[in-house]
Protein backbone atom coordinates (compact mmCIF):
# COMPACT_ATOMS: atom_id res chain seq x y z
CA MET A 1 -32.39 65.24 22.59
CA ILE A 2 -33.43 63.46 25.78
CA LYS A 3 -35.95 61.36 23.83
CA SER A 4 -33.19 60.20 21.50
CA ILE A 5 -30.92 59.21 24.39
CA VAL A 6 -33.75 57.33 26.13
CA LEU A 7 -34.66 55.59 22.87
CA ALA A 8 -31.04 54.60 22.17
CA THR A 9 -30.59 53.32 25.71
CA THR A 10 -33.81 51.30 25.52
CA LEU A 11 -32.77 49.74 22.21
CA LEU A 12 -29.33 48.93 23.62
CA PHE A 13 -30.75 47.18 26.70
CA THR A 14 -33.38 45.36 24.61
CA GLY A 15 -30.67 44.02 22.32
CA VAL A 16 -28.58 42.87 25.28
CA ALA A 17 -31.60 41.14 26.86
CA VAL A 18 -32.47 39.35 23.62
CA ASN A 19 -28.89 38.12 23.16
CA ALA A 20 -28.75 36.91 26.75
CA GLN A 21 -31.81 34.70 26.18
CA THR A 22 -30.48 32.80 23.18
CA THR A 23 -28.52 29.85 24.44
CA GLU A 24 -27.28 26.79 22.64
CA THR A 25 -29.12 23.62 23.52
CA ALA A 26 -27.29 20.35 23.76
CA PRO A 27 -27.59 18.18 20.63
CA ALA A 28 -29.26 15.40 22.63
CA ALA A 29 -31.89 17.87 23.87
CA LYS A 30 -32.81 18.79 20.30
CA ASN A 31 -33.46 15.18 19.39
CA THR A 32 -36.32 13.83 21.47
CA ARG A 33 -35.52 10.26 20.40
CA ALA A 34 -31.93 10.47 21.63
CA LYS A 35 -31.01 7.52 23.79
CA ARG A 36 -29.54 8.07 27.18
CA PRO A 37 -27.16 5.52 28.61
CA MET A 38 -28.96 2.98 30.75
CA ASN A 39 -27.45 1.06 33.60
CA ALA A 40 -28.45 -2.47 34.60
CA GLU A 41 -31.16 -1.32 36.99
CA ASP A 42 -32.73 1.00 34.38
CA ARG A 43 -32.91 -1.83 31.87
CA ALA A 44 -34.31 -4.25 34.45
CA VAL A 45 -37.02 -1.76 35.46
CA ARG A 46 -37.86 -1.11 31.80
CA ILE A 47 -38.31 -4.82 31.14
CA LEU A 48 -40.28 -5.19 34.37
CA ARG A 49 -42.65 -2.44 33.23
CA MET A 50 -43.15 -4.25 29.93
CA MET A 51 -43.79 -7.53 31.73
CA SER A 52 -46.22 -5.88 34.14
CA SER A 53 -48.24 -4.34 31.34
CA LYS A 54 -48.32 -7.52 29.26
CA THR A 55 -48.83 -10.13 31.98
CA ASN A 56 -50.47 -8.25 34.88
CA LEU A 57 -47.89 -9.16 37.52
CA SER A 58 -48.84 -9.08 41.18
CA ASP A 59 -46.73 -7.06 43.62
CA ALA A 60 -45.02 -10.18 44.94
CA GLN A 61 -44.25 -11.36 41.41
CA SER A 62 -42.92 -7.91 40.47
CA ALA A 63 -40.42 -7.97 43.32
CA GLU A 64 -39.13 -11.42 42.37
CA VAL A 65 -39.05 -10.62 38.65
CA LYS A 66 -37.12 -7.42 39.28
CA LYS A 67 -34.52 -9.35 41.27
CA ILE A 68 -34.14 -11.93 38.49
CA LEU A 69 -33.91 -9.30 35.77
CA LEU A 70 -31.41 -7.23 37.74
CA GLU A 71 -29.12 -10.25 38.16
CA ARG A 72 -29.30 -10.98 34.42
CA GLU A 73 -28.69 -7.38 33.41
CA GLN A 74 -25.70 -7.16 35.76
CA VAL A 75 -24.13 -10.16 34.00
CA LYS A 76 -24.68 -8.38 30.68
CA VAL A 77 -23.01 -5.23 32.01
CA ASP A 78 -20.06 -7.29 33.25
CA ALA A 79 -19.76 -8.82 29.76
CA ARG A 80 -18.98 -5.45 28.23
CA ASN A 81 -15.53 -4.00 27.71
CA GLU A 82 -14.49 -0.67 29.19
CA ASP A 83 -15.43 1.11 25.96
CA GLY A 84 -18.96 -0.37 26.08
CA THR A 85 -18.53 -2.93 23.31
CA PHE A 86 -19.58 -6.54 23.85
CA ASN A 87 -16.82 -8.95 24.85
CA PRO A 88 -17.25 -12.10 22.70
CA ALA A 89 -15.29 -14.14 25.24
CA LYS A 90 -18.18 -13.76 27.69
CA LYS A 91 -20.89 -14.79 25.23
CA GLU A 92 -21.46 -18.15 26.93
CA GLU A 93 -21.73 -16.48 30.32
CA VAL A 94 -24.47 -14.19 29.00
CA LYS A 95 -26.29 -17.12 27.38
CA ALA A 96 -26.19 -19.01 30.68
CA ALA A 97 -27.53 -15.96 32.54
CA ASN A 98 -30.37 -15.62 30.01
CA LYS A 99 -31.24 -19.29 30.32
CA LYS A 100 -31.19 -19.16 34.13
CA ALA A 101 -33.33 -16.00 34.11
CA ASN A 102 -35.90 -17.63 31.81
CA GLU A 103 -36.05 -20.70 34.04
CA ASP A 104 -36.49 -18.54 37.13
CA LEU A 105 -39.13 -16.41 35.42
CA GLN A 106 -41.08 -19.53 34.46
CA LYS A 107 -41.14 -20.51 38.13
CA VAL A 108 -42.42 -17.08 39.20
CA LEU A 109 -44.98 -16.51 36.44
CA THR A 110 -48.13 -18.51 35.93
CA PRO A 111 -48.28 -20.59 32.72
CA GLU A 112 -50.73 -18.08 31.23
CA GLN A 113 -48.46 -15.15 32.07
CA TRP A 114 -45.44 -16.95 30.63
CA THR A 115 -47.34 -17.65 27.39
CA LYS A 116 -48.29 -13.97 27.08
CA TRP A 117 -44.70 -12.89 27.73
CA GLU A 118 -43.30 -15.34 25.17
CA ALA A 119 -45.84 -14.15 22.59
CA PHE A 120 -44.80 -10.55 23.18
CA ARG A 121 -41.10 -11.44 22.88
CA ALA A 122 -41.79 -13.30 19.61
CA GLU A 123 -43.65 -10.26 18.27
CA VAL A 124 -40.76 -7.96 19.14
CA LYS A 125 -38.27 -10.35 17.58
CA GLN A 126 -40.32 -10.46 14.39
CA ARG A 127 -40.55 -6.66 14.19
CA ARG A 128 -36.78 -6.39 14.69
CA ALA A 129 -36.17 -8.90 11.90
CA GLU A 130 -38.51 -6.97 9.59
CA LYS A 131 -36.77 -3.72 10.45
CA LYS A 132 -33.36 -5.27 9.84
CA ALA A 133 -34.50 -6.67 6.48
CA ASP A 134 -35.99 -3.34 5.37
CA PRO A 135 -34.51 -0.37 7.29
CA ASN A 136 -36.68 2.09 5.34
CA LYS A 137 -39.90 0.42 6.44
CA GLY A 138 -40.47 2.92 9.24
CA ASP A 139 -39.70 3.35 12.88
CA MET A 140 -40.19 0.54 15.37
CA ARG A 141 -42.93 1.16 17.87
CA ALA A 142 -44.33 -0.76 20.76
CA PRO A 143 -47.56 -2.61 19.94
CA ASP A 144 -49.63 -0.16 22.00
CA ALA A 145 -49.02 3.48 21.14
CA GLU A 146 -49.89 4.68 24.66
CA GLU A 147 -46.95 2.78 26.17
CA ASP A 148 -43.81 4.84 26.61
CA PHE A 149 -41.32 2.01 26.35
CA TYR A 150 -40.07 -0.53 23.89
């Protein structure tokens, strides 16, 4: 009789412990490719990392480039509505910020570095156009598989 009670109690506690360990994971956690919202500084740092890997920026250049990119990304954030959609009325402001950033970047980067950066941007633009033309072509990846950004 005692063995039966001990066995029943053990099974009961085992069942409770197993149920306690199963928790629901958030949908974003299940999908490893889920995008998290990025603020202006996150985007600027991401672009800076790409530039550093493609053009071998020095520390002094990195600091200046980060400042330029942060200013541009802040203008882009300001051009969005409260719900996160792009405000078409501020399109010219964003274009001007992009143009100013490119001019400033050309001053900071060497001609060789600027050429490498422009080539990379053209490659990305081409891949985006191909992806847009044929969405079933496959996922878009950075040129180098070891890089963790795009």
